[in-house]
Amino acid sequence: MSNALEILTDELEERVLQLREWVGGGQAKDYAEYLKTCGEIKGLLLARQNILDLKQKMEHSDDE
């Protein structure tokens, strides 16, 4: 299960990097699209952090 979580967090991080490059490259056609993309990045980072937290909890529960 831990391996699956690592794959998922890696995929989320890759998508965040793609979106950051896209925004940084000035690709947003307007401010609304820029805000939408920033919101997507924020959501992906939150999801990634939640997965990392879950992985840590799972690892600690195995120790008990």
C-alpha atoms as a PDB file:
ATOM      1  CA  MET A   1       0.000   0.000   0.000  1.00  0.00           C
ATOM      2  CA  SER A   2       2.861   2.340   0.827  1.00  0.00           C
ATOM      3  CA  ASN A   3       4.237   1.971  -2.700  1.00  0.00           C
ATOM      4  CA  ALA A   4       0.875   2.941  -4.180  1.00  0.00           C
ATOM      5  CA  LEU A   5       0.797   6.053  -2.000  1.00  0.00           C
ATOM      6  CA  GLU A   6       4.282   7.013  -3.171  1.00  0.00           C
ATOM      7  CA  ILE A   7       3.249   6.607  -6.804  1.00  0.00           C
ATOM      8  CA  LEU A   8       0.180   8.740  -6.202  1.00  0.00           C
ATOM      9  CA  THR A   9       2.122  11.517  -4.450  1.00  0.00           C
ATOM     10  CA  ASP A  10       4.711  11.487  -7.254  1.00  0.00           C
ATOM     11  CA  GLU A  11       1.954  11.868  -9.857  1.00  0.00           C
ATOM     12  CA  LEU A  12       0.401  14.738  -7.922  1.00  0.00           C
ATOM     13  CA  GLU A  13       3.773  16.456  -7.621  1.00  0.00           C
ATOM     14  CA  GLU A  14       4.382  16.051 -11.360  1.00  0.00           C
ATOM     15  CA  ARG A  15       1.012  17.667 -12.132  1.00  0.00           C
ATOM     16  CA  VAL A  16       1.778  20.542  -9.749  1.00  0.00           C
ATOM     17  CA  LEU A  17       5.104  21.121 -11.503  1.00  0.00           C
ATOM     18  CA  GLN A  18       3.382  21.127 -14.909  1.00  0.00           C
ATOM     19  CA  LEU A  19       0.812  23.660 -13.738  1.00  0.00           C
ATOM     20  CA  ARG A  20       3.442  25.871 -12.125  1.00  0.00           C
ATOM     21  CA  GLU A  21       5.435  25.916 -15.355  1.00  0.00           C
ATOM     22  CA  TRP A  22       2.286  26.693 -17.316  1.00  0.00           C
ATOM     23  CA  VAL A  23       1.336  29.591 -15.050  1.00  0.00           C
ATOM     24  CA  GLY A  24       4.931  30.813 -14.825  1.00  0.00           C
ATOM     25  CA  GLY A  25       5.131  30.800 -18.597  1.00  0.00           C
ATOM     26  CA  GLY A  26       2.243  33.244 -18.813  1.00  0.00           C
ATOM     27  CA  GLN A  27      -0.097  30.775 -20.510  1.00  0.00           C
ATOM     28  CA  ALA A  28      -3.267  31.827 -18.677  1.00  0.00           C
ATOM     29  CA  LYS A  29      -5.524  33.655 -21.116  1.00  0.00           C
ATOM     30  CA  ASP A  30      -7.067  35.776 -18.367  1.00  0.00           C
ATOM     31  CA  TYR A  31      -7.133  36.350 -14.630  1.00  0.00           C
ATOM     32  CA  ALA A  32      -9.988  33.876 -14.120  1.00  0.00           C
ATOM     33  CA  GLU A  33      -7.969  31.090 -15.725  1.00  0.00           C
ATOM     34  CA  TYR A  34      -4.961  32.070 -13.625  1.00  0.00           C
ATOM     35  CA  LEU A  35      -7.045  31.887 -10.435  1.00  0.00           C
ATOM     36  CA  LYS A  36      -8.533  28.535 -11.467  1.00  0.00           C
ATOM     37  CA  THR A  37      -5.085  27.091 -12.053  1.00  0.00           C
ATOM     38  CA  CYS A  38      -3.790  28.449  -8.740  1.00  0.00           C
ATOM     39  CA  GLY A  39      -6.773  26.806  -7.037  1.00  0.00           C
ATOM     40  CA  GLU A  40      -6.004  23.527  -8.762  1.00  0.00           C
ATOM     41  CA  ILE A  41      -2.393  23.706  -7.601  1.00  0.00           C
ATOM     42  CA  LYS A  42      -3.517  24.421  -4.049  1.00  0.00           C
ATOM     43  CA  GLY A  43      -5.950  21.492  -4.130  1.00  0.00           C
ATOM     44  CA  LEU A  44      -3.333  19.097  -5.494  1.00  0.00           C
ATOM     45  CA  LEU A  45      -0.844  20.145  -2.817  1.00  0.00           C
ATOM     46  CA  LEU A  46      -3.475  19.653  -0.120  1.00  0.00           C
ATOM     47  CA  ALA A  47      -4.318  16.194  -1.481  1.00  0.00           C
ATOM     48  CA  ARG A  48      -0.621  15.308  -1.601  1.00  0.00           C
ATOM     49  CA  GLN A  49      -0.131  16.399   1.995  1.00  0.00           C
ATOM     50  CA  ASN A  50      -3.157  14.400   3.132  1.00  0.00           C
ATOM     51  CA  ILE A  51      -1.736  11.301   1.442  1.00  0.00           C
ATOM     52  CA  LEU A  52       1.660  11.839   3.075  1.00  0.00           C
ATOM     53  CA  ASP A  53      -0.046  12.235   6.465  1.00  0.00           C
ATOM     54  CA  LEU A  54      -2.006   9.027   5.889  1.00  0.00           C
ATOM     55  CA  LYS A  55       1.158   7.170   4.897  1.00  0.00           C
ATOM     56  CA  GLN A  56       2.881   8.328   8.076  1.00  0.00           C
ATOM     57  CA  LYS A  57      -0.075   7.248  10.231  1.00  0.00           C
ATOM     58  CA  MET A  58      -0.102   3.856   8.529  1.00  0.00           C
ATOM     59  CA  GLU A  59       3.620   3.404   9.133  1.00  0.00           C
ATOM     60  CA  HIS A  60       3.243   4.306  12.820  1.00  0.00           C
ATOM     61  CA  SER A  61       0.284   1.959  13.250  1.00  0.00           C
ATOM     62  CA  ASP A  62       2.430  -0.878  11.878  1.00  0.00           C
ATOM     63  CA  ASP A  63       4.990  -0.169  14.604  1.00  0.00           C
ATOM     64  CA  GLU A  64       2.431  -0.668  17.362  1.00  0.00           C
END
